[in-house]
Amino acid sequence: MAELRIHGKWGGPGEEETARFLEKNLPADWTIDANVYLPTKNHEDVDLLVTGRNFVFIVEVKSVGPIVLADDRVWEVRSKYGIKYPFKSPMPNLAHKSRQALEIIRKAVPTGHSQLFQSRALR
């Protein structure tokens, strides 16, 4: 069981459920930090910051659906009643948070490697 550290109020209905699921299903040497604010100018919030032995994941939780047709800019959400509505994709914002987190980690963690981790969102 992973360690779950909660740093504030849950921001949405799916955040606690997702955090508790990860807590129960990840190995004991993993950590889930919920409701983290990055030490940046705008203090962007991160729903879940999940860290493992050699991994760092930023998890953005969205409780929409049950059906979502997604691309990088706009999602089409279909409710359980068949109603369709557009939803702004969180991917550009998540890519921004990932870049900021990478810079924070690079400054904080000494390493002999030129690259700590790589994310598709950063490419």
PDB file of N, CA and C in Angstrom:
ATOM      1  N   MET A   1       0.849  -1.176   0.000  1.00  0.00           N
ATOM      2  CA  MET A   1       0.000   0.000   0.000  1.00  0.00           C
ATOM      3  C   MET A   1       0.893   1.237   0.000  1.00  0.00           C
ATOM      4  N   ALA A   2       0.611   2.159  -0.902  1.00  0.00           N
ATOM      5  CA  ALA A   2       1.377   3.398  -1.019  1.00  0.00           C
ATOM      6  C   ALA A   2       0.994   4.359   0.101  1.00  0.00           C
ATOM      7  N   GLU A   3       1.823   5.375   0.289  1.00  0.00           N
ATOM      8  CA  GLU A   3       1.531   6.398   1.283  1.00  0.00           C
ATOM      9  C   GLU A   3       0.756   7.529   0.617  1.00  0.00           C
ATOM     10  N   LEU A   4      -0.368   7.924   1.208  1.00  0.00           N
ATOM     11  CA  LEU A   4      -1.182   9.030   0.703  1.00  0.00           C
ATOM     12  C   LEU A   4      -1.049  10.204   1.668  1.00  0.00           C
ATOM     13  N   ARG A   5      -0.617  11.353   1.129  1.00  0.00           N
ATOM     14  CA  ARG A   5      -0.506  12.587   1.918  1.00  0.00           C
ATOM     15  C   ARG A   5      -1.446  13.617   1.314  1.00  0.00           C
ATOM     16  N   ILE A   6      -2.359  14.113   2.121  1.00  0.00           N
ATOM     17  CA  ILE A   6      -3.383  15.048   1.663  1.00  0.00           C
ATOM     18  C   ILE A   6      -2.997  16.445   2.135  1.00  0.00           C
ATOM     19  N   HIS A   7      -2.874  17.381   1.187  1.00  0.00           N
ATOM     20  CA  HIS A   7      -2.391  18.725   1.495  1.00  0.00           C
ATOM     21  C   HIS A   7      -3.476  19.789   1.460  1.00  0.00           C
ATOM     22  N   GLY A   8      -4.713  19.416   1.334  1.00  0.00           N
ATOM     23  CA  GLY A   8      -5.807  20.383   1.278  1.00  0.00           C
ATOM     24  C   GLY A   8      -7.112  19.681   0.981  1.00  0.00           C
ATOM     25  N   LYS A   9      -8.147  20.483   0.738  1.00  0.00           N
ATOM     26  CA  LYS A   9      -9.463  19.921   0.440  1.00  0.00           C
ATOM     27  C   LYS A   9      -9.467  19.299  -0.955  1.00  0.00           C
ATOM     28  N   TRP A  10     -10.289  18.268  -1.097  1.00  0.00           N
ATOM     29  CA  TRP A  10     -10.437  17.626  -2.399  1.00  0.00           C
ATOM     30  C   TRP A  10     -11.073  18.615  -3.354  1.00  0.00           C
ATOM     31  N   GLY A  11     -10.535  18.707  -4.575  1.00  0.00           N
ATOM     32  CA  GLY A  11     -11.004  19.689  -5.542  1.00  0.00           C
ATOM     33  C   GLY A  11     -12.155  19.231  -6.406  1.00  0.00           C
ATOM     34  N   GLY A  12     -12.416  17.958  -6.456  1.00  0.00           N
ATOM     35  CA  GLY A  12     -13.487  17.454  -7.305  1.00  0.00           C
ATOM     36  C   GLY A  12     -13.910  16.081  -6.842  1.00  0.00           C
ATOM     37  N   PRO A  13     -15.045  15.610  -7.336  1.00  0.00           N
ATOM     38  CA  PRO A  13     -15.592  14.344  -6.843  1.00  0.00           C
ATOM     39  C   PRO A  13     -14.739  13.117  -7.119  1.00  0.00           C
ATOM     40  N   GLY A  14     -13.906  13.159  -8.139  1.00  0.00           N
ATOM     41  CA  GLY A  14     -13.118  11.982  -8.461  1.00  0.00           C
ATOM     42  C   GLY A  14     -11.728  11.955  -7.844  1.00  0.00           C
ATOM     43  N   GLU A  15     -11.281  13.070  -7.276  1.00  0.00           N
ATOM     44  CA  GLU A  15      -9.909  13.137  -6.780  1.00  0.00           C
ATOM     45  C   GLU A  15      -9.664  12.185  -5.611  1.00  0.00           C
ATOM     46  N   GLU A  16     -10.543  12.215  -4.623  1.00  0.00           N
ATOM     47  CA  GLU A  16     -10.344  11.331  -3.472  1.00  0.00           C
ATOM     48  C   GLU A  16     -10.457   9.870  -3.889  1.00  0.00           C
ATOM     49  N   GLU A  17     -11.438   9.559  -4.714  1.00  0.00           N
ATOM     50  CA  GLU A  17     -11.610   8.172  -5.177  1.00  0.00           C
ATOM     51  C   GLU A  17     -10.364   7.682  -5.915  1.00  0.00           C
ATOM     52  N   THR A  18      -9.811   8.515  -6.778  1.00  0.00           N
ATOM     53  CA  THR A  18      -8.607   8.141  -7.525  1.00  0.00           C
ATOM     54  C   THR A  18      -7.416   7.984  -6.592  1.00  0.00           C
ATOM     55  N   ALA A  19      -7.255   8.921  -5.654  1.00  0.00           N
ATOM     56  CA  ALA A  19      -6.141   8.863  -4.703  1.00  0.00           C
ATOM     57  C   ALA A  19      -6.220   7.603  -3.840  1.00  0.00           C
ATOM     58  N   ARG A  20      -7.407   7.274  -3.364  1.00  0.00           N
ATOM     59  CA  ARG A  20      -7.567   6.082  -2.519  1.00  0.00           C
ATOM     60  C   ARG A  20      -7.304   4.801  -3.321  1.00  0.00           C
ATOM     61  N   PHE A  21      -7.722   4.793  -4.573  1.00  0.00           N
ATOM     62  CA  PHE A  21      -7.455   3.635  -5.434  1.00  0.00           C
ATOM     63  C   PHE A  21      -5.949   3.443  -5.607  1.00  0.00           C
ATOM     64  N   LEU A  22      -5.243   4.533  -5.913  1.00  0.00           N
ATOM     65  CA  LEU A  22      -3.794   4.442  -6.081  1.00  0.00           C
ATOM     66  C   LEU A  22      -3.117   4.039  -4.779  1.00  0.00           C
ATOM     67  N   GLU A  23      -3.587   4.578  -3.659  1.00  0.00           N
ATOM     68  CA  GLU A  23      -3.021   4.232  -2.354  1.00  0.00           C
ATOM     69  C   GLU A  23      -3.087   2.717  -2.119  1.00  0.00           C
ATOM     70  N   LYS A  24      -4.212   2.114  -2.449  1.00  0.00           N
ATOM     71  CA  LYS A  24      -4.404   0.677  -2.212  1.00  0.00           C
ATOM     72  C   LYS A  24      -3.666  -0.198  -3.218  1.00  0.00           C
ATOM     73  N   ASN A  25      -3.420   0.318  -4.422  1.00  0.00           N
ATOM     74  CA  ASN A  25      -2.912  -0.537  -5.494  1.00  0.00           C
ATOM     75  C   ASN A  25      -1.470  -0.298  -5.904  1.00  0.00           C
ATOM     76  N   LEU A  26      -0.843   0.754  -5.416  1.00  0.00           N
ATOM     77  CA  LEU A  26       0.566   0.979  -5.729  1.00  0.00           C
ATOM     78  C   LEU A  26       1.447   0.357  -4.642  1.00  0.00           C
ATOM     79  N   PRO A  27       2.702   0.055  -4.964  1.00  0.00           N
ATOM     80  CA  PRO A  27       3.607  -0.532  -3.969  1.00  0.00           C
ATOM     81  C   PRO A  27       3.859   0.410  -2.784  1.00  0.00           C
ATOM     82  N   ALA A  28       4.333  -0.160  -1.693  1.00  0.00           N
ATOM     83  CA  ALA A  28       4.535   0.576  -0.443  1.00  0.00           C
ATOM     84  C   ALA A  28       5.585   1.675  -0.565  1.00  0.00           C
ATOM     85  N   ASP A  29       6.505   1.577  -1.527  1.00  0.00           N
ATOM     86  CA  ASP A  29       7.532   2.605  -1.649  1.00  0.00           C
ATOM     87  C   ASP A  29       7.113   3.761  -2.571  1.00  0.00           C
ATOM     88  N   TRP A  30       5.845   3.800  -2.935  1.00  0.00           N
ATOM     89  CA  TRP A  30       5.307   4.901  -3.732  1.00  0.00           C
ATOM     90  C   TRP A  30       4.585   5.887  -2.817  1.00  0.00           C
ATOM     91  N   THR A  31       4.507   7.146  -3.263  1.00  0.00           N
ATOM     92  CA  THR A  31       3.824   8.194  -2.505  1.00  0.00           C
ATOM     93  C   THR A  31       2.849   8.926  -3.408  1.00  0.00           C
ATOM     94  N   ILE A  32       1.678   9.220  -2.866  1.00  0.00           N
ATOM     95  CA  ILE A  32       0.687  10.032  -3.562  1.00  0.00           C
ATOM     96  C   ILE A  32       0.489  11.293  -2.743  1.00  0.00           C
ATOM     97  N   ASP A  33       0.811  12.444  -3.318  1.00  0.00           N
ATOM     98  CA  ASP A  33       0.556  13.729  -2.670  1.00  0.00           C
ATOM     99  C   ASP A  33      -0.654  14.348  -3.353  1.00  0.00           C
ATOM    100  N   ALA A  34      -1.692  14.603  -2.577  1.00  0.00           N
ATOM    101  CA  ALA A  34      -2.940  15.147  -3.123  1.00  0.00           C
ATOM    102  C   ALA A  34      -3.026  16.643  -2.846  1.00  0.00           C
ATOM    103  N   ASN A  35      -3.509  17.376  -3.846  1.00  0.00           N
ATOM    104  CA  ASN A  35      -3.748  18.817  -3.728  1.00  0.00           C
ATOM    105  C   ASN A  35      -2.464  19.582  -3.429  1.00  0.00           C
ATOM    106  N   VAL A  36      -1.494  19.420  -4.323  1.00  0.00           N
ATOM    107  CA  VAL A  36      -0.196  20.064  -4.184  1.00  0.00           C
ATOM    108  C   VAL A  36      -0.183  21.359  -4.998  1.00  0.00           C
ATOM    109  N   TYR A  37       0.420  22.393  -4.445  1.00  0.00           N
ATOM    110  CA  TYR A  37       0.609  23.640  -5.183  1.00  0.00           C
ATOM    111  C   TYR A  37       2.080  23.763  -5.546  1.00  0.00           C
ATOM    112  N   LEU A  38       2.345  23.984  -6.825  1.00  0.00           N
ATOM    113  CA  LEU A  38       3.722  24.140  -7.276  1.00  0.00           C
ATOM    114  C   LEU A  38       4.264  25.480  -6.789  1.00  0.00           C
ATOM    115  N   PRO A  39       5.523  25.515  -6.364  1.00  0.00           N
ATOM    116  CA  PRO A  39       6.105  26.774  -5.888  1.00  0.00           C
ATOM    117  C   PRO A  39       6.519  27.665  -7.066  1.00  0.00           C
ATOM    118  N   THR A  40       5.509  28.118  -7.799  1.00  0.00           N
ATOM    119  CA  THR A  40       5.728  28.956  -8.974  1.00  0.00           C
ATOM    120  C   THR A  40       4.977  30.264  -8.797  1.00  0.00           C
ATOM    121  N   LYS A  41       5.151  31.149  -9.749  1.00  0.00           N
ATOM    122  CA  LYS A  41       4.513  32.474  -9.692  1.00  0.00           C
ATOM    123  C   LYS A  41       2.997  32.363  -9.540  1.00  0.00           C
ATOM    124  N   ASN A  42       2.375  31.457 -10.278  1.00  0.00           N
ATOM    125  CA  ASN A  42       0.919  31.329 -10.258  1.00  0.00           C
ATOM    126  C   ASN A  42       0.403  30.258  -9.297  1.00  0.00           C
ATOM    127  N   HIS A  43       1.300  29.563  -8.614  1.00  0.00           N
ATOM    128  CA  HIS A  43       0.931  28.518  -7.644  1.00  0.00           C
ATOM    129  C   HIS A  43      -0.070  27.523  -8.223  1.00  0.00           C
ATOM    130  N   GLU A  44       0.240  27.002  -9.417  1.00  0.00           N
ATOM    131  CA  GLU A  44      -0.650  26.026 -10.046  1.00  0.00           C
ATOM    132  C   GLU A  44      -0.852  24.827  -9.139  1.00  0.00           C
ATOM    133  N   ASP A  45      -2.086  24.350  -9.131  1.00  0.00           N
ATOM    134  CA  ASP A  45      -2.381  23.180  -8.303  1.00  0.00           C
ATOM    135  C   ASP A  45      -2.228  21.904  -9.120  1.00  0.00           C
ATOM    136  N   VAL A  46      -1.796  20.861  -8.436  1.00  0.00           N
ATOM    137  CA  VAL A  46      -1.672  19.533  -9.019  1.00  0.00           C
ATOM    138  C   VAL A  46      -2.608  18.635  -8.229  1.00  0.00           C
ATOM    139  N   ASP A  47      -3.535  17.981  -8.924  1.00  0.00           N
ATOM    140  CA  ASP A  47      -4.483  17.105  -8.233  1.00  0.00           C
ATOM    141  C   ASP A  47      -3.741  16.018  -7.461  1.00  0.00           C
ATOM    142  N   LEU A  48      -2.927  15.249  -8.171  1.00  0.00           N
ATOM    143  CA  LEU A  48      -2.162  14.172  -7.544  1.00  0.00           C
ATOM    144  C   LEU A  48      -0.749  14.169  -8.108  1.00  0.00           C
ATOM    145  N   LEU A  49       0.228  14.177  -7.222  1.00  0.00           N
ATOM    146  CA  LEU A  49       1.623  14.024  -7.599  1.00  0.00           C
ATOM    147  C   LEU A  49       2.044  12.656  -7.096  1.00  0.00           C
ATOM    148  N   VAL A  50       2.291  11.745  -8.026  1.00  0.00           N
ATOM    149  CA  VAL A  50       2.566  10.347  -7.683  1.00  0.00           C
ATOM    150  C   VAL A  50       4.039  10.075  -7.948  1.00  0.00           C
ATOM    151  N   THR A  51       4.746   9.639  -6.911  1.00  0.00           N
ATOM    152  CA  THR A  51       6.174   9.384  -7.061  1.00  0.00           C
ATOM    153  C   THR A  51       6.489   7.943  -6.685  1.00  0.00           C
ATOM    154  N   GLY A  52       7.317   7.343  -7.506  1.00  0.00           N
ATOM    155  CA  GLY A  52       7.816   5.993  -7.271  1.00  0.00           C
ATOM    156  C   GLY A  52       9.326   6.014  -7.297  1.00  0.00           C
ATOM    157  N   ARG A  53       9.917   4.871  -7.328  1.00  0.00           N
ATOM    158  CA  ARG A  53      11.370   4.746  -7.260  1.00  0.00           C
ATOM    159  C   ARG A  53      12.082   5.630  -8.290  1.00  0.00           C
ATOM    160  N   ASN A  54      11.711   5.538  -9.534  1.00  0.00           N
ATOM    161  CA  ASN A  54      12.324   6.347 -10.600  1.00  0.00           C
ATOM    162  C   ASN A  54      11.281   7.056 -11.450  1.00  0.00           C
ATOM    163  N   PHE A  55      10.116   7.324 -10.861  1.00  0.00           N
ATOM    164  CA  PHE A  55       9.027   7.888 -11.638  1.00  0.00           C
ATOM    165  C   PHE A  55       8.370   9.038 -10.903  1.00  0.00           C
ATOM    166  N   VAL A  56       7.891  10.010 -11.673  1.00  0.00           N
ATOM    167  CA  VAL A  56       7.061  11.086 -11.150  1.00  0.00           C
ATOM    168  C   VAL A  56       5.917  11.251 -12.137  1.00  0.00           C
ATOM    169  N   PHE A  57       4.690  11.189 -11.626  1.00  0.00           N
ATOM    170  CA  PHE A  57       3.506  11.369 -12.461  1.00  0.00           C
ATOM    171  C   PHE A  57       2.681  12.517 -11.906  1.00  0.00           C
ATOM    172  N   ILE A  58       2.211  13.382 -12.778  1.00  0.00           N
ATOM    173  CA  ILE A  58       1.240  14.402 -12.401  1.00  0.00           C
ATOM    174  C   ILE A  58      -0.095  13.917 -12.943  1.00  0.00           C
ATOM    175  N   VAL A  59      -1.050  13.757 -12.037  1.00  0.00           N
ATOM    176  CA  VAL A  59      -2.361  13.222 -12.415  1.00  0.00           C
ATOM    177  C   VAL A  59      -3.395  14.336 -12.289  1.00  0.00           C
ATOM    178  N   GLU A  60      -4.057  14.612 -13.379  1.00  0.00           N
ATOM    179  CA  GLU A  60      -5.143  15.591 -13.411  1.00  0.00           C
ATOM    180  C   GLU A  60      -6.436  14.794 -13.484  1.00  0.00           C
ATOM    181  N   VAL A  61      -7.287  14.918 -12.478  1.00  0.00           N
ATOM    182  CA  VAL A  61      -8.504  14.118 -12.391  1.00  0.00           C
ATOM    183  C   VAL A  61      -9.682  14.936 -12.920  1.00  0.00           C
ATOM    184  N   LYS A  62     -10.444  14.337 -13.823  1.00  0.00           N
ATOM    185  CA  LYS A  62     -11.665  14.946 -14.349  1.00  0.00           C
ATOM    186  C   LYS A  62     -12.802  13.961 -14.166  1.00  0.00           C
ATOM    187  N   SER A  63     -13.887  14.430 -13.598  1.00  0.00           N
ATOM    188  CA  SER A  63     -15.070  13.583 -13.406  1.00  0.00           C
ATOM    189  C   SER A  63     -16.135  14.004 -14.404  1.00  0.00           C
ATOM    190  N   VAL A  64     -16.001  13.496 -15.603  1.00  0.00           N
ATOM    191  CA  VAL A  64     -16.964  13.797 -16.665  1.00  0.00           C
ATOM    192  C   VAL A  64     -17.328  12.490 -17.347  1.00  0.00           C
ATOM    193  N   GLY A  65     -18.384  12.552 -18.110  1.00  0.00           N
ATOM    194  CA  GLY A  65     -18.720  11.354 -18.871  1.00  0.00           C
ATOM    195  C   GLY A  65     -20.093  10.822 -18.547  1.00  0.00           C
ATOM    196  N   PRO A  66     -20.305   9.581 -18.826  1.00  0.00           N
ATOM    197  CA  PRO A  66     -19.370   8.465 -18.846  1.00  0.00           C
ATOM    198  C   PRO A  66     -18.602   8.289 -20.150  1.00  0.00           C
ATOM    199  N   ILE A  67     -18.974   8.998 -21.212  1.00  0.00           N
ATOM    200  CA  ILE A  67     -18.259   8.847 -22.478  1.00  0.00           C
ATOM    201  C   ILE A  67     -17.559  10.159 -22.799  1.00  0.00           C
ATOM    202  N   VAL A  68     -16.275  10.060 -23.154  1.00  0.00           N
ATOM    203  CA  VAL A  68     -15.505  11.247 -23.520  1.00  0.00           C
ATOM    204  C   VAL A  68     -14.752  10.937 -24.805  1.00  0.00           C
ATOM    205  N   LEU A  69     -14.959  11.778 -25.820  1.00  0.00           N
ATOM    206  CA  LEU A  69     -14.188  11.706 -27.059  1.00  0.00           C
ATOM    207  C   LEU A  69     -13.161  12.830 -26.954  1.00  0.00           C
ATOM    208  N   ALA A  70     -11.889  12.470 -26.892  1.00  0.00           N
ATOM    209  CA  ALA A  70     -10.868  13.453 -26.536  1.00  0.00           C
ATOM    210  C   ALA A  70      -9.879  13.709 -27.650  1.00  0.00           C
ATOM    211  N   ASP A  71      -9.438  14.956 -27.742  1.00  0.00           N
ATOM    212  CA  ASP A  71      -8.254  15.322 -28.502  1.00  0.00           C
ATOM    213  C   ASP A  71      -7.489  16.341 -27.662  1.00  0.00           C
ATOM    214  N   ASP A  72      -6.471  16.954 -28.238  1.00  0.00           N
ATOM    215  CA  ASP A  72      -5.606  17.836 -27.464  1.00  0.00           C
ATOM    216  C   ASP A  72      -6.266  19.166 -27.068  1.00  0.00           C
ATOM    217  N   ARG A  73      -7.313  19.573 -27.782  1.00  0.00           N
ATOM    218  CA  ARG A  73      -7.899  20.886 -27.511  1.00  0.00           C
ATOM    219  C   ARG A  73      -9.286  20.835 -26.892  1.00  0.00           C
ATOM    220  N   VAL A  74     -10.159  20.036 -27.452  1.00  0.00           N
ATOM    221  CA  VAL A  74     -11.547  20.000 -26.975  1.00  0.00           C
ATOM    222  C   VAL A  74     -11.997  18.561 -26.823  1.00  0.00           C
ATOM    223  N   TRP A  75     -12.670  18.301 -25.733  1.00  0.00           N
ATOM    224  CA  TRP A  75     -13.265  16.991 -25.513  1.00  0.00           C
ATOM    225  C   TRP A  75     -14.767  17.106 -25.767  1.00  0.00           C
ATOM    226  N   GLU A  76     -15.337  16.054 -26.323  1.00  0.00           N
ATOM    227  CA  GLU A  76     -16.801  15.981 -26.403  1.00  0.00           C
ATOM    228  C   GLU A  76     -17.235  15.009 -25.319  1.00  0.00           C
ATOM    229  N   VAL A  77     -18.028  15.518 -24.386  1.00  0.00           N
ATOM    230  CA  VAL A  77     -18.502  14.711 -23.270  1.00  0.00           C
ATOM    231  C   VAL A  77     -19.947  14.338 -23.532  1.00  0.00           C
ATOM    232  N   ARG A  78     -20.262  13.081 -23.293  1.00  0.00           N
ATOM    233  CA  ARG A  78     -21.640  12.602 -23.431  1.00  0.00           C
ATOM    234  C   ARG A  78     -22.097  12.102 -22.074  1.00  0.00           C
ATOM    235  N   SER A  79     -23.144  12.727 -21.571  1.00  0.00           N
ATOM    236  CA  SER A  79     -23.653  12.366 -20.249  1.00  0.00           C
ATOM    237  C   SER A  79     -24.398  11.038 -20.310  1.00  0.00           C
ATOM    238  N   LYS A  80     -24.727  10.516 -19.146  1.00  0.00           N
ATOM    239  CA  LYS A  80     -25.468   9.247 -19.112  1.00  0.00           C
ATOM    240  C   LYS A  80     -26.867   9.396 -19.696  1.00  0.00           C
ATOM    241  N   TYR A  81     -27.307  10.650 -19.907  1.00  0.00           N
ATOM    242  CA  TYR A  81     -28.616  10.907 -20.510  1.00  0.00           C
ATOM    243  C   TYR A  81     -28.507  11.178 -22.006  1.00  0.00           C
ATOM    244  N   GLY A  82     -27.286  11.052 -22.568  1.00  0.00           N
ATOM    245  CA  GLY A  82     -27.081  11.239 -24.000  1.00  0.00           C
ATOM    246  C   GLY A  82     -26.828  12.680 -24.402  1.00  0.00           C
ATOM    247  N   ILE A  83     -26.730  13.583 -23.450  1.00  0.00           N
ATOM    248  CA  ILE A  83     -26.477  14.990 -23.762  1.00  0.00           C
ATOM    249  C   ILE A  83     -25.001  15.164 -24.085  1.00  0.00           C
ATOM    250  N   LYS A  84     -24.723  15.851 -25.207  1.00  0.00           N
ATOM    251  CA  LYS A  84     -23.351  16.106 -25.623  1.00  0.00           C
ATOM    252  C   LYS A  84     -22.988  17.556 -25.296  1.00  0.00           C
ATOM    253  N   TYR A  85     -21.769  17.762 -24.793  1.00  0.00           N
ATOM    254  CA  TYR A  85     -21.303  19.126 -24.576  1.00  0.00           C
ATOM    255  C   TYR A  85     -19.784  19.173 -24.696  1.00  0.00           C
ATOM    256  N   PRO A  86     -19.261  20.333 -25.133  1.00  0.00           N
ATOM    257  CA  PRO A  86     -17.808  20.461 -25.255  1.00  0.00           C
ATOM    258  C   PRO A  86     -17.173  20.704 -23.889  1.00  0.00           C
ATOM    259  N   PHE A  87     -15.947  20.234 -23.733  1.00  0.00           N
ATOM    260  CA  PHE A  87     -15.199  20.393 -22.484  1.00  0.00           C
ATOM    261  C   PHE A  87     -13.765  20.722 -22.878  1.00  0.00           C
ATOM    262  N   LYS A  88     -13.232  21.816 -22.379  1.00  0.00           N
ATOM    263  CA  LYS A  88     -11.867  22.217 -22.722  1.00  0.00           C
ATOM    264  C   LYS A  88     -10.881  21.156 -22.234  1.00  0.00           C
ATOM    265  N   SER A  89     -10.029  20.719 -23.124  1.00  0.00           N
ATOM    266  CA  SER A  89      -9.053  19.689 -22.788  1.00  0.00           C
ATOM    267  C   SER A  89      -8.073  20.200 -21.732  1.00  0.00           C
ATOM    268  N   PRO A  90      -7.788  19.393 -20.713  1.00  0.00           N
ATOM    269  CA  PRO A  90      -6.794  19.790 -19.714  1.00  0.00           C
ATOM    270  C   PRO A  90      -5.355  19.536 -20.173  1.00  0.00           C
ATOM    271  N   MET A  91      -5.168  18.942 -21.348  1.00  0.00           N
ATOM    272  CA  MET A  91      -3.838  18.530 -21.786  1.00  0.00           C
ATOM    273  C   MET A  91      -2.836  19.689 -21.917  1.00  0.00           C
ATOM    274  N   PRO A  92      -3.188  20.830 -22.527  1.00  0.00           N
ATOM    275  CA  PRO A  92      -2.204  21.916 -22.597  1.00  0.00           C
ATOM    276  C   PRO A  92      -1.787  22.409 -21.200  1.00  0.00           C
ATOM    277  N   ASN A  93      -2.723  22.522 -20.291  1.00  0.00           N
ATOM    278  CA  ASN A  93      -2.411  22.956 -18.934  1.00  0.00           C
ATOM    279  C   ASN A  93      -1.572  21.909 -18.209  1.00  0.00           C
ATOM    280  N   LEU A  94      -1.873  20.644 -18.433  1.00  0.00           N
ATOM    281  CA  LEU A  94      -1.104  19.565 -17.819  1.00  0.00           C
ATOM    282  C   LEU A  94       0.329  19.557 -18.351  1.00  0.00           C
ATOM    283  N   ALA A  95       0.497  19.819 -19.636  1.00  0.00           N
ATOM    284  CA  ALA A  95       1.847  19.903 -20.207  1.00  0.00           C
ATOM    285  C   ALA A  95       2.619  21.055 -19.565  1.00  0.00           C
ATOM    286  N   HIS A  96       1.956  22.173 -19.343  1.00  0.00           N
ATOM    287  CA  HIS A  96       2.590  23.321 -18.686  1.00  0.00           C
ATOM    288  C   HIS A  96       3.018  22.958 -17.262  1.00  0.00           C
ATOM    289  N   LYS A  97       2.138  22.329 -16.500  1.00  0.00           N
ATOM    290  CA  LYS A  97       2.467  21.915 -15.132  1.00  0.00           C
ATOM    291  C   LYS A  97       3.617  20.913 -15.124  1.00  0.00           C
ATOM    292  N   SER A  98       3.638  20.016 -16.094  1.00  0.00           N
ATOM    293  CA  SER A  98       4.705  19.018 -16.183  1.00  0.00           C
ATOM    294  C   SER A  98       6.053  19.683 -16.425  1.00  0.00           C
ATOM    295  N   ARG A  99       6.086  20.678 -17.317  1.00  0.00           N
ATOM    296  CA  ARG A  99       7.336  21.397 -17.573  1.00  0.00           C
ATOM    297  C   ARG A  99       7.807  22.124 -16.318  1.00  0.00           C
ATOM    298  N   GLN A 100       6.871  22.747 -15.607  1.00  0.00           N
ATOM    299  CA  GLN A 100       7.240  23.450 -14.381  1.00  0.00           C
ATOM    300  C   GLN A 100       7.755  22.478 -13.323  1.00  0.00           C
ATOM    301  N   ALA A 101       7.082  21.352 -13.168  1.00  0.00           N
ATOM    302  CA  ALA A 101       7.516  20.354 -12.186  1.00  0.00           C
ATOM    303  C   ALA A 101       8.900  19.818 -12.551  1.00  0.00           C
ATOM    304  N   LEU A 102       9.153  19.598 -13.825  1.00  0.00           N
ATOM    305  CA  LEU A 102      10.460  19.121 -14.267  1.00  0.00           C
ATOM    306  C   LEU A 102      11.553  20.103 -13.880  1.00  0.00           C
ATOM    307  N   GLU A 103      11.323  21.383 -14.088  1.00  0.00           N
ATOM    308  CA  GLU A 103      12.323  22.395 -13.730  1.00  0.00           C
ATOM    309  C   GLU A 103      12.563  22.420 -12.224  1.00  0.00           C
ATOM    310  N   ILE A 104      11.515  22.297 -11.430  1.00  0.00           N
ATOM    311  CA  ILE A 104      11.642  22.274  -9.966  1.00  0.00           C
ATOM    312  C   ILE A 104      12.468  21.058  -9.542  1.00  0.00           C
ATOM    313  N   ILE A 105      12.167  19.908 -10.129  1.00  0.00           N
ATOM    314  CA  ILE A 105      12.886  18.678  -9.784  1.00  0.00           C
ATOM    315  C   ILE A 105      14.344  18.771 -10.208  1.00  0.00           C
ATOM    316  N   ARG A 106      14.602  19.295 -11.392  1.00  0.00           N
ATOM    317  CA  ARG A 106      15.983  19.438 -11.860  1.00  0.00           C
ATOM    318  C   ARG A 106      16.821  20.293 -10.907  1.00  0.00           C
ATOM    319  N   LYS A 107      16.213  21.330 -10.372  1.00  0.00           N
ATOM    320  CA  LYS A 107      16.934  22.209  -9.446  1.00  0.00           C
ATOM    321  C   LYS A 107      17.117  21.546  -8.077  1.00  0.00           C
ATOM    322  N   ALA A 108      16.178  20.716  -7.681  1.00  0.00           N
ATOM    323  CA  ALA A 108      16.187  20.158  -6.329  1.00  0.00           C
ATOM    324  C   ALA A 108      16.943  18.846  -6.193  1.00  0.00           C
ATOM    325  N   VAL A 109      17.048  18.087  -7.271  1.00  0.00           N
ATOM    326  CA  VAL A 109      17.613  16.738  -7.186  1.00  0.00           C
ATOM    327  C   VAL A 109      18.932  16.682  -7.939  1.00  0.00           C
ATOM    328  N   PRO A 110      20.036  16.448  -7.222  1.00  0.00           N
ATOM    329  CA  PRO A 110      21.310  16.295  -7.928  1.00  0.00           C
ATOM    330  C   PRO A 110      21.322  14.972  -8.700  1.00  0.00           C
ATOM    331  N   THR A 111      21.835  15.013  -9.899  1.00  0.00           N
ATOM    332  CA  THR A 111      21.859  13.804 -10.712  1.00  0.00           C
ATOM    333  C   THR A 111      23.028  13.852 -11.679  1.00  0.00           C
ATOM    334  N   GLY A 112      23.515  12.706 -12.022  1.00  0.00           N
ATOM    335  CA  GLY A 112      24.572  12.621 -13.009  1.00  0.00           C
ATOM    336  C   GLY A 112      24.014  12.438 -14.405  1.00  0.00           C
ATOM    337  N   HIS A 113      22.705  12.318 -14.511  1.00  0.00           N
ATOM    338  CA  HIS A 113      22.056  12.097 -15.798  1.00  0.00           C
ATOM    339  C   HIS A 113      21.588  13.432 -16.368  1.00  0.00           C
ATOM    340  N   SER A 114      21.621  13.553 -17.665  1.00  0.00           N
ATOM    341  CA  SER A 114      21.203  14.800 -18.304  1.00  0.00           C
ATOM    342  C   SER A 114      19.691  14.966 -18.310  1.00  0.00           C
ATOM    343  N   GLN A 115      18.963  13.876 -18.116  1.00  0.00           N
ATOM    344  CA  GLN A 115      17.515  13.958 -18.157  1.00  0.00           C
ATOM    345  C   GLN A 115      16.936  13.087 -17.052  1.00  0.00           C
ATOM    346  N   LEU A 116      16.097  13.691 -16.209  1.00  0.00           N
ATOM    347  CA  LEU A 116      15.502  12.936 -15.112  1.00  0.00           C
ATOM    348  C   LEU A 116      14.377  12.045 -15.597  1.00  0.00           C
ATOM    349  N   PHE A 117      13.453  12.611 -16.350  1.00  0.00           N
ATOM    350  CA  PHE A 117      12.367  11.812 -16.887  1.00  0.00           C
ATOM    351  C   PHE A 117      11.862  12.509 -18.131  1.00  0.00           C
ATOM    352  N   GLN A 118      11.095  11.785 -18.898  1.00  0.00           N
ATOM    353  CA  GLN A 118      10.561  12.309 -20.128  1.00  0.00           C
ATOM    354  C   GLN A 118       9.074  12.040 -20.160  1.00  0.00           C
ATOM    355  N   SER A 119       8.344  13.002 -20.622  1.00  0.00           N
ATOM    356  CA  SER A 119       6.905  12.856 -20.713  1.00  0.00           C
ATOM    357  C   SER A 119       6.472  13.175 -22.137  1.00  0.00           C
ATOM    358  N   ARG A 120       5.469  12.477 -22.599  1.00  0.00           N
ATOM    359  CA  ARG A 120       4.932  12.790 -23.930  1.00  0.00           C
ATOM    360  C   ARG A 120       4.425  14.222 -23.972  1.00  0.00           C
ATOM    361  N   ALA A 121       3.914  14.705 -22.838  1.00  0.00           N
ATOM    362  CA  ALA A 121       3.406  16.070 -22.784  1.00  0.00           C
ATOM    363  C   ALA A 121       4.528  17.084 -22.960  1.00  0.00           C
ATOM    364  N   LEU A 122       5.759  16.701 -22.697  1.00  0.00           N
ATOM    365  CA  LEU A 122       6.888  17.629 -22.792  1.00  0.00           C
ATOM    366  C   LEU A 122       7.520  17.667 -24.165  1.00  0.00           C
ATOM    367  N   ARG A 123       7.206  16.728 -25.004  1.00  0.00           N
ATOM    368  CA  ARG A 123       7.833  16.650 -26.328  1.00  0.00           C
ATOM    369  C   ARG A 123       7.255  17.673 -27.257  1.00  0.00           C
TER     370      ARG A 123
END
